[in-house]
Protein backbone atom coordinates (compact mmCIF):
# COMPACT_ATOMS: atom_id res chain seq x y z
CA MET A 1 51.80 32.05 -28.07
CA THR A 2 52.28 35.35 -29.87
CA GLU A 3 50.93 38.66 -28.64
CA LEU A 4 48.70 38.54 -31.75
CA SER A 5 47.33 35.20 -30.65
CA ARG A 6 46.66 36.37 -27.15
CA SER A 7 44.84 39.49 -28.41
CA ILE A 8 42.63 37.56 -30.78
CA ARG A 9 41.66 35.06 -28.15
CA ARG A 10 40.68 37.77 -25.69
CA ARG A 11 38.47 39.23 -28.34
CA LEU A 12 37.01 35.95 -29.48
CA SER A 13 36.22 35.02 -26.05
CA ARG A 14 34.22 38.27 -25.51
CA ALA A 15 32.36 37.78 -28.75
CA ILE A 16 31.41 34.24 -27.75
CA ALA A 17 30.28 35.56 -24.35
CA ILE A 18 27.95 38.05 -26.02
CA THR A 19 26.38 35.36 -28.33
CA MET A 20 25.93 33.01 -25.28
CA MET A 21 24.24 35.59 -23.22
CA SER A 22 21.91 36.60 -26.06
CA ALA A 23 20.90 32.94 -26.31
CA GLY A 24 20.00 32.92 -22.58
CA VAL A 25 22.98 31.17 -21.09
CA GLY A 26 23.81 32.29 -17.65
CA SER A 27 20.25 32.52 -16.42
CA PRO A 28 19.30 30.88 -13.18
CA ALA A 29 19.58 27.03 -13.46
CA LEU A 30 16.14 25.63 -14.12
CA GLY A 31 14.61 28.56 -12.14
CA GLN A 32 15.51 26.78 -8.97
CA VAL A 33 18.45 28.82 -7.49
CA PRO A 34 18.40 32.62 -8.18
CA VAL A 35 21.62 34.56 -8.59
CA ARG A 36 22.48 36.72 -5.61
CA PRO A 37 25.26 39.28 -5.07
CA LEU A 38 28.35 38.59 -3.10
CA GLY A 39 28.51 39.88 0.51
CA PRO A 40 30.21 43.16 1.45
CA ILE A 41 33.89 43.75 1.34
CA VAL A 42 35.37 44.00 4.83
CA ALA A 43 39.03 44.64 4.20
CA ARG A 44 41.50 45.50 1.43
CA ILE A 45 45.11 46.19 0.63
CA SER A 46 46.96 47.76 -2.22
CA ASP A 47 49.97 49.58 -0.71
CA GLY A 48 53.14 47.45 -0.58
CA ILE A 49 52.03 44.87 -3.15
CA GLY A 50 53.02 44.57 -6.84
CA SER A 51 50.52 41.95 -7.96
CA VAL A 52 48.36 39.25 -6.52
CA THR A 53 49.64 36.06 -8.22
CA SER A 54 47.85 33.70 -5.80
CA VAL A 55 47.05 33.45 -2.07
CA ARG A 56 47.05 30.77 0.51
CA PRO A 57 44.38 31.15 3.13
CA LEU A 58 45.30 29.49 6.64
CA ARG A 59 43.04 28.08 9.20
CA SER A 60 44.23 30.74 11.61
CA GLY A 61 42.51 33.39 9.56
CA ARG A 62 45.94 34.63 8.27
CA LEU A 63 46.85 34.70 4.64
CA ILE A 64 50.05 34.08 2.52
CA LEU A 65 50.16 36.43 -0.51
CA ASN A 66 52.15 35.43 -3.54
CA ASP A 67 53.42 38.74 -5.08
CA GLY A 68 54.84 37.75 -8.42
CA THR A 69 55.82 41.31 -9.42
CA HIS A 70 57.90 42.03 -6.29
CA ARG A 71 58.86 38.28 -6.19
CA GLN A 72 57.91 38.04 -2.45
CA LEU A 73 55.74 35.94 -0.16
CA LEU A 74 54.02 38.00 2.45
CA LEU A 75 52.12 36.90 5.55
CA LEU A 76 48.97 38.97 6.17
CA ASP A 77 46.66 38.93 9.13
CA SER A 78 42.89 38.68 8.99
CA THR A 79 42.58 42.47 8.22
CA LEU A 80 45.08 42.14 5.38
CA ALA A 81 47.80 43.90 7.18
CA ILE A 82 51.24 42.88 6.36
CA VAL A 83 52.81 40.76 9.29
CA THR A 84 56.23 39.81 7.80
CA VAL A 85 58.05 38.99 4.62
CA ILE A 86 58.33 35.17 4.33
CA ALA A 87 60.48 34.95 1.24
CA ASP A 88 61.97 37.31 -1.35
CA SER A 89 64.32 37.39 -4.21
CA MET A 90 67.04 39.73 -2.84
CA PRO A 91 70.43 37.94 -2.74
CA THR A 92 71.53 39.81 0.47
CA SER A 93 68.20 38.99 2.28
CA ALA A 94 67.87 36.23 5.05
CA HIS A 95 64.61 35.33 3.28
CA HIS A 96 66.33 34.74 -0.18
CA TYR A 97 64.18 31.68 -1.42
CA TYR A 98 61.86 33.14 -3.92
CA GLY A 99 64.00 33.14 -7.07
CA GLN A 100 64.18 35.58 -9.94
CA ARG A 101 60.79 35.10 -11.60
CA SER A 102 57.21 34.67 -10.48
CA SER A 103 56.73 31.30 -8.72
CA VAL A 104 53.98 28.98 -7.36
CA ILE A 105 52.73 28.29 -3.86
CA LEU A 106 50.92 25.04 -3.04
CA PRO A 107 48.80 23.97 -0.04
CA PHE A 108 50.55 21.20 1.92
CA ARG A 109 49.61 18.97 4.83
CA ALA A 110 49.09 20.32 8.46
CA ASP A 111 48.29 23.86 7.11
CA SER A 112 51.87 24.24 5.79
CA THR A 113 52.70 25.62 2.29
CA LEU A 114 55.17 24.75 -0.41
CA LEU A 115 57.00 27.39 -2.36
CA LEU A 116 58.34 26.19 -5.73
CA ASP A 117 62.08 27.02 -6.31
CA ARG A 118 62.27 26.59 -10.01
CA ALA A 119 66.03 27.27 -10.37
CA ALA A 120 66.84 24.61 -7.72
CA ALA A 121 63.91 22.29 -8.83
CA SER A 122 63.04 22.04 -5.09
CA LEU A 123 60.18 22.79 -2.81
CA VAL A 124 60.52 25.22 0.20
CA VAL A 125 58.26 24.08 3.17
CA ILE A 126 56.68 27.01 5.09
CA ASP A 127 55.00 26.35 8.39
CA PRO A 128 51.65 27.76 9.48
CA ASP A 129 53.43 30.66 11.24
CA GLY A 130 55.14 31.74 8.01
CA ARG A 131 58.64 30.38 8.95
CA ILE A 132 60.84 28.50 6.40
CA ASN A 133 60.92 25.00 7.73
CA ARG A 134 63.06 22.83 5.20
CA VAL A 135 63.57 22.07 1.63
CA ILE A 136 62.38 18.91 -0.10
CA ALA A 137 62.64 17.37 -3.53
CA PRO A 138 59.59 17.27 -5.90
CA PRO A 139 57.76 14.03 -6.15
CA ALA A 140 58.64 13.54 -9.80
CA PRO A 141 61.07 14.90 -12.45
CA ASN A 142 58.30 16.46 -14.49
CA PHE A 143 56.69 18.22 -11.54
CA VAL A 144 58.40 21.63 -11.97
CA MET A 145 57.19 21.94 -15.49
CA ALA A 146 53.71 20.40 -14.91
CA VAL A 147 52.69 22.87 -12.13
CA GLY A 148 53.31 25.70 -14.46
CA MET A 149 50.78 24.44 -17.02
CA PRO A 150 47.41 26.07 -17.57
CA GLY A 151 44.65 24.34 -15.40
CA ASN A 152 46.91 23.55 -12.58
CA ALA A 153 45.85 26.41 -10.37
CA GLN A 154 44.52 23.90 -7.89
CA VAL A 155 47.65 21.85 -7.43
CA GLY A 156 47.82 20.77 -3.76
CA SER A 157 48.02 17.78 -1.52
CA ASP A 158 45.47 15.06 -0.60
CA ALA A 159 44.73 13.72 2.87
CA ALA A 160 47.81 11.49 2.73
CA GLY A 161 50.05 14.46 1.87
CA ARG A 162 50.54 13.35 -1.80
CA LEU A 163 50.86 16.23 -4.27
CA LEU A 164 48.29 16.12 -7.12
CA PHE A 165 49.11 17.68 -10.58
CA ALA A 166 48.09 17.10 -14.10
CA VAL A 167 50.48 16.09 -16.99
CA ASN A 168 49.74 15.52 -20.67
CA ARG A 169 48.90 11.97 -21.47
CA PRO A 170 51.78 10.57 -23.48
CA ARG A 171 51.20 9.02 -26.91
CA GLN A 172 52.27 5.42 -27.15
CA ALA A 173 55.39 4.76 -29.23
CA GLY A 174 54.59 3.62 -32.83
CA THR A 175 50.99 4.99 -32.85
CA ALA A 176 49.77 7.68 -35.23
CA PRO A 177 49.19 11.18 -34.01
CA ARG A 178 45.86 11.98 -32.63
CA ASP A 179 43.19 13.37 -34.88
CA PRO A 180 43.64 17.11 -34.42
CA THR A 181 39.97 17.75 -34.31
CA SER A 182 39.45 15.24 -31.40
CA ARG A 183 39.74 15.75 -27.80
CA ASP A 184 42.93 14.99 -25.84
CA SER A 185 43.18 14.00 -22.23
CA SER A 186 45.70 14.70 -19.39
CA VAL A 187 46.46 12.44 -16.45
CA LEU A 188 45.77 13.64 -12.92
CA VAL A 189 48.57 12.00 -10.93
CA ARG A 190 49.55 11.81 -7.17
CA GLY A 191 53.16 12.04 -6.12
CA ASP A 192 54.56 11.14 -2.67
CA VAL A 193 57.37 13.54 -1.72
CA THR A 194 58.85 10.97 0.66
CA THR A 195 58.75 7.80 -1.36
CA HIS A 196 58.50 9.45 -4.87
CA VAL A 197 55.90 6.87 -5.82
CA ILE A 198 53.67 8.25 -8.54
CA ASP A 199 50.24 6.86 -9.33
CA THR A 200 47.11 7.96 -11.38
CA ALA A 201 44.16 9.48 -9.70
CA SER A 202 42.01 10.23 -12.71
CA PHE A 203 41.90 11.47 -16.35
CA LEU A 204 40.86 14.95 -17.42
CA LEU A 205 39.36 15.93 -20.80
CA LEU A 206 41.39 18.73 -22.25
CA ARG A 207 39.98 21.66 -24.04
CA ARG A 208 41.18 22.02 -27.64
CA THR A 209 41.40 25.66 -28.77
CA ASN A 210 42.43 25.24 -32.37
CA ILE A 211 43.11 22.72 -35.16
CA PRO A 212 46.84 22.68 -35.98
CA GLY A 213 47.44 24.25 -39.50
CA VAL A 214 50.44 24.65 -41.80
CA THR A 215 53.84 26.16 -41.00
CA SER A 216 55.70 27.64 -44.05
CA PHE A 217 58.96 29.56 -44.33
CA GLU A 218 58.97 32.70 -46.29
CA PRO A 219 61.99 34.35 -48.02
CA GLY A 220 64.05 36.33 -45.45
CA GLY A 221 63.47 33.62 -42.77
CA ARG A 222 59.97 34.77 -41.83
CA VAL A 223 57.72 32.00 -40.41
CA HIS A 224 54.12 31.79 -41.40
CA ARG A 225 51.72 29.67 -39.32
CA SER A 226 48.02 29.10 -39.86
CA LEU A 227 45.57 28.01 -37.13
CA THR A 228 41.88 27.22 -37.34
CA LEU A 229 39.97 28.20 -34.20
CA ARG A 230 37.18 26.21 -32.69
CA PRO A 231 34.45 28.47 -31.14
CA LEU A 232 33.21 27.48 -27.66
CA ASP A 233 36.14 25.17 -27.11
CA LEU A 234 38.12 28.13 -25.86
CA GLU A 235 36.70 27.49 -22.40
CA ASN A 236 35.56 23.90 -22.63
CA GLY A 237 37.03 20.84 -20.83
CA ASP A 238 37.05 19.16 -17.47
CA ASP A 239 38.09 21.11 -14.38
CA TRP A 240 39.32 19.99 -10.85
CA ALA A 241 40.02 21.32 -7.40
CA ILE A 242 41.40 20.06 -4.08
CA GLY A 243 39.68 20.81 -0.68
CA LEU A 244 41.11 21.55 2.66
CA ASP A 245 40.48 18.03 3.85
CA GLY A 246 42.06 16.50 0.75
CA SER A 247 39.00 15.78 -1.18
CA VAL A 248 39.42 15.92 -4.92
CA ALA A 249 36.54 17.09 -7.20
CA ILE A 250 36.62 16.68 -10.98
CA VAL A 251 33.91 18.54 -12.79
CA ARG A 252 32.94 16.84 -16.06
CA ALA A 253 32.27 19.03 -19.02
CA GLN A 254 30.22 16.47 -21.05
CA ASP A 255 27.17 16.42 -18.81
CA TYR A 256 28.21 18.74 -15.79
CA HIS A 257 28.52 16.17 -12.98
CA VAL A 258 31.20 15.82 -10.38
CA ASP A 259 33.44 12.83 -9.72
CA TRP A 260 34.77 12.77 -6.14
CA ILE A 261 37.84 11.18 -4.61
CA ARG A 262 37.11 11.31 -0.89
CA PRO A 263 39.79 11.73 1.87
CA ASP A 264 39.64 8.04 2.68
CA GLY A 265 40.37 7.14 -0.95
CA SER A 266 36.80 6.16 -1.83
CA ARG A 267 35.31 7.35 -5.06
CA ALA A 268 31.82 8.56 -5.97
CA SER A 269 30.03 10.32 -8.84
CA THR A 270 27.16 12.66 -8.02
CA PRO A 271 24.15 13.49 -10.26
CA LYS A 272 24.27 16.18 -12.85
CA VAL A 273 24.40 19.65 -11.61
CA ALA A 274 21.23 21.55 -12.24
CA HIS A 275 21.93 23.68 -15.28
CA GLU A 276 19.80 25.27 -18.06
CA TRP A 277 21.30 23.87 -21.19
CA THR A 278 20.52 26.29 -23.97
CA ARG A 279 20.89 24.83 -27.36
CA LEU A 280 22.41 27.12 -30.11
CA THR A 281 20.37 27.47 -33.21
CA ASN A 282 22.03 27.38 -36.71
CA GLY A 283 21.55 31.15 -36.64
CA ASP A 284 23.41 31.50 -33.28
CA LYS A 285 26.29 29.35 -34.64
CA ALA A 286 26.53 31.41 -37.91
CA HIS A 287 26.53 34.65 -35.79
CA VAL A 288 29.41 33.43 -33.69
CA VAL A 289 31.53 32.21 -36.60
CA ASP A 290 30.89 35.44 -38.73
CA SER A 291 31.68 37.59 -35.81
CA LEU A 292 34.84 35.77 -35.05
CA ARG A 293 35.98 35.72 -38.64
CA THR A 294 35.52 39.44 -38.82
CA ILE A 295 37.64 39.90 -35.77
CA ALA A 296 40.24 37.39 -36.94
CA ASP A 297 40.53 39.11 -40.30
CA SER A 298 41.00 42.58 -38.72
CA ILE A 299 43.77 41.39 -36.35
CA ASN A 300 45.51 39.34 -39.12
CA ARG A 301 45.85 42.50 -41.21
CA GLN A 302 47.46 44.29 -38.25
CA SER A 303 50.53 41.95 -38.34
CA PRO A 304 53.57 44.21 -38.91
CA ASP A 305 56.29 43.26 -41.31
CA SER A 306 58.92 43.21 -38.52
CA ILE A 307 57.29 40.24 -36.81
CA ALA A 308 59.45 37.02 -37.32
CA VAL A 309 56.49 34.64 -36.76
CA VAL A 310 53.25 35.46 -38.29
CA VAL A 311 50.11 33.67 -37.06
CA GLN A 312 47.11 33.76 -39.39
CA GLU A 313 43.90 32.53 -37.64
CA ASP A 314 40.67 31.49 -39.22
CA VAL A 315 37.45 29.95 -37.76
CA VAL A 316 35.84 26.62 -38.39
CA ASP A 317 32.48 26.42 -40.40
CA ALA A 318 29.31 26.94 -38.36
CA SER A 319 28.43 23.26 -38.84
CA ALA A 320 31.42 22.30 -36.58
CA VAL A 321 30.28 24.61 -33.67
CA PRO A 322 28.96 22.53 -30.68
CA ASP A 323 25.14 22.45 -30.14
CA TYR A 324 25.56 23.61 -26.52
CA PRO A 325 27.94 26.20 -24.93
CA PRO A 326 30.13 24.74 -22.12
CA PRO A 327 28.46 24.84 -18.78
CA PHE A 328 31.56 26.19 -16.91
CA VAL A 329 34.97 27.84 -17.37
CA VAL A 330 38.11 25.67 -17.17
CA GLY A 331 40.38 26.88 -14.36
CA GLY A 332 37.51 28.65 -12.41
CA THR A 333 36.77 25.89 -9.85
CA ARG A 334 37.62 26.35 -6.25
CA PHE A 335 36.69 24.74 -2.87
CA ASP A 336 35.59 26.95 -0.01
CA ALA A 337 36.43 26.29 3.68
CA ASP A 338 33.14 24.38 4.26
CA GLY A 339 33.77 21.90 1.56
CA ASN A 340 31.46 23.40 -1.12
CA LEU A 341 32.57 23.61 -4.79
CA TRP A 342 32.40 27.05 -6.54
CA ILE A 343 32.38 26.55 -10.32
CA ARG A 344 32.46 29.51 -12.59
CA SER A 345 29.44 29.31 -14.87
CA THR A 346 30.04 32.40 -16.97
CA PRO A 347 32.73 32.85 -19.63
CA ALA A 348 35.94 34.47 -18.59
CA SER A 349 35.12 37.51 -20.62
CA VAL A 350 31.92 38.37 -18.79
CA ILE A 351 32.69 41.25 -16.42
CA GLN A 352 30.51 40.16 -13.52
CA ALA A 353 31.24 36.48 -13.03
CA VAL A 354 28.66 34.11 -11.68
CA TYR A 355 29.64 30.97 -9.69
CA ASP A 356 27.54 27.90 -9.14
CA VAL A 357 28.04 26.58 -5.57
CA VAL A 358 27.73 22.79 -5.36
CA ASP A 359 27.75 20.85 -2.04
CA ALA A 360 29.49 17.48 -1.34
CA HIS A 361 26.39 15.61 -2.72
CA GLY A 362 26.68 17.50 -6.01
CA VAL A 363 23.57 19.60 -5.41
CA LEU A 364 23.47 23.17 -6.53
CA ILE A 365 22.79 25.16 -3.37
CA ASP A 366 23.66 28.69 -4.32
CA ARG A 367 24.56 30.99 -7.28
CA VAL A 368 26.71 34.10 -6.51
CA ARG A 369 27.52 37.09 -8.71
CA PHE A 370 30.88 38.85 -8.07
CA PRO A 371 31.64 42.52 -8.70
CA GLY A 372 32.99 43.31 -12.14
CA GLY A 373 36.62 42.95 -12.83
CA VAL A 374 37.62 40.79 -9.88
CA THR A 375 39.36 37.44 -9.72
CA VAL A 376 38.59 34.81 -7.08
CA GLN A 377 41.82 33.91 -5.33
CA GLY A 378 40.75 31.62 -2.42
CA PHE A 379 38.36 31.01 0.39
CA GLY A 380 38.56 31.34 4.23
CA ARG A 381 35.98 30.58 6.77
CA GLY A 382 32.79 32.51 5.61
CA VAL A 383 34.93 34.83 3.36
CA VAL A 384 36.43 34.91 -0.08
CA TYR A 385 39.61 36.59 -1.22
CA ILE A 386 39.36 38.60 -4.46
CA SER A 387 41.86 40.54 -6.49
CA SER A 388 41.35 43.46 -8.99
CA ARG A 389 43.17 46.33 -10.67
CA GLU A 390 42.58 49.88 -9.95
CA GLY A 391 44.53 51.86 -12.54
CA THR A 392 48.00 50.66 -12.19
CA ALA A 393 47.53 49.38 -8.63
CA SER A 394 46.84 45.69 -7.66
CA VAL A 395 44.25 45.41 -4.93
CA LEU A 396 43.52 42.45 -2.65
CA ALA A 397 40.17 42.37 -0.81
CA VAL A 398 38.30 40.06 1.51
CA ALA A 399 34.52 39.80 1.19
CA ARG A 400 31.89 38.00 3.20
CA ILE A 401 30.40 35.19 1.27
CA ARG A 402 26.96 36.38 2.50
């Protein structure tokens, strides 16, 4: 994706959010559960870290911090003080396991953690005390590529120690390409790192952000690509998460219910989550499309002549805009330490994010508003880890849930 595409999507998402809020989206679900603020921040750290790529809360109260800028794994105590460096990218270091670019950490069985070594296509096993234990092979050849895909922030292991990750659903040989305006799906698979047996856990509905357009080649070798954006699909689709006990929750976008795969392998579907579905009027749809076309036209005109690939973006007609905004944001779902599911119900561009908290029965039990500009990284017992930027500094903080 070009920088132009990233810029336009950020601005489109914000315009969508403004329209959704003006239509009443984001108000307390059915008037039953009011939104409350997050509890107080009790500890924070900024010195000594380059960025907060991800965290791995441990049952001991300690935390593994993945610093993608410094290419380090740090072990922190419950006050967020640095205890030790687990892994780094320095060739002369005894902890030289990280690699030369930002990597991924995955929760594993018995409170251990996996560090993905992309260069070696292997997994480094880290014990609960932050010590490098051993190196194992990934469960499947496509695992290294799959865990870097958007929507795989919750890659982890189930109760049997199998790693779960999503891969694009392959098209059968000899069949026609899918209708570009229709939805695609991906496969949520389980891979055993010992036997390397792969099986299917479920299917996920993918968000479709645009309709593929035409690619043309201009004189001088410049490439021109046209895309047609689909408003409200920018953040729509199924989402999923893995709990500490190995439970898997799949949040369905179509009607906002949760499908569960329990630790014993049993499956269940709980009722629809209480949510105030606000239908967009024809005027709302026209406002979204007109606003986004204005933004798209403005950014398209900014394309400098020196760019080798030019992406011109348009927006579908108002008649193609869905009747209802998506009830949650893809990639924003997390389990807390008590087995409750936290689902981000406000668009990614909304400054103060609101999360729906759903229990194991699929019942909405709480709604929590986070401070502006923070990202939810993970949960410990009664606390949540959040990251933010203060100027050029990255900040990791721990706040009480209540």
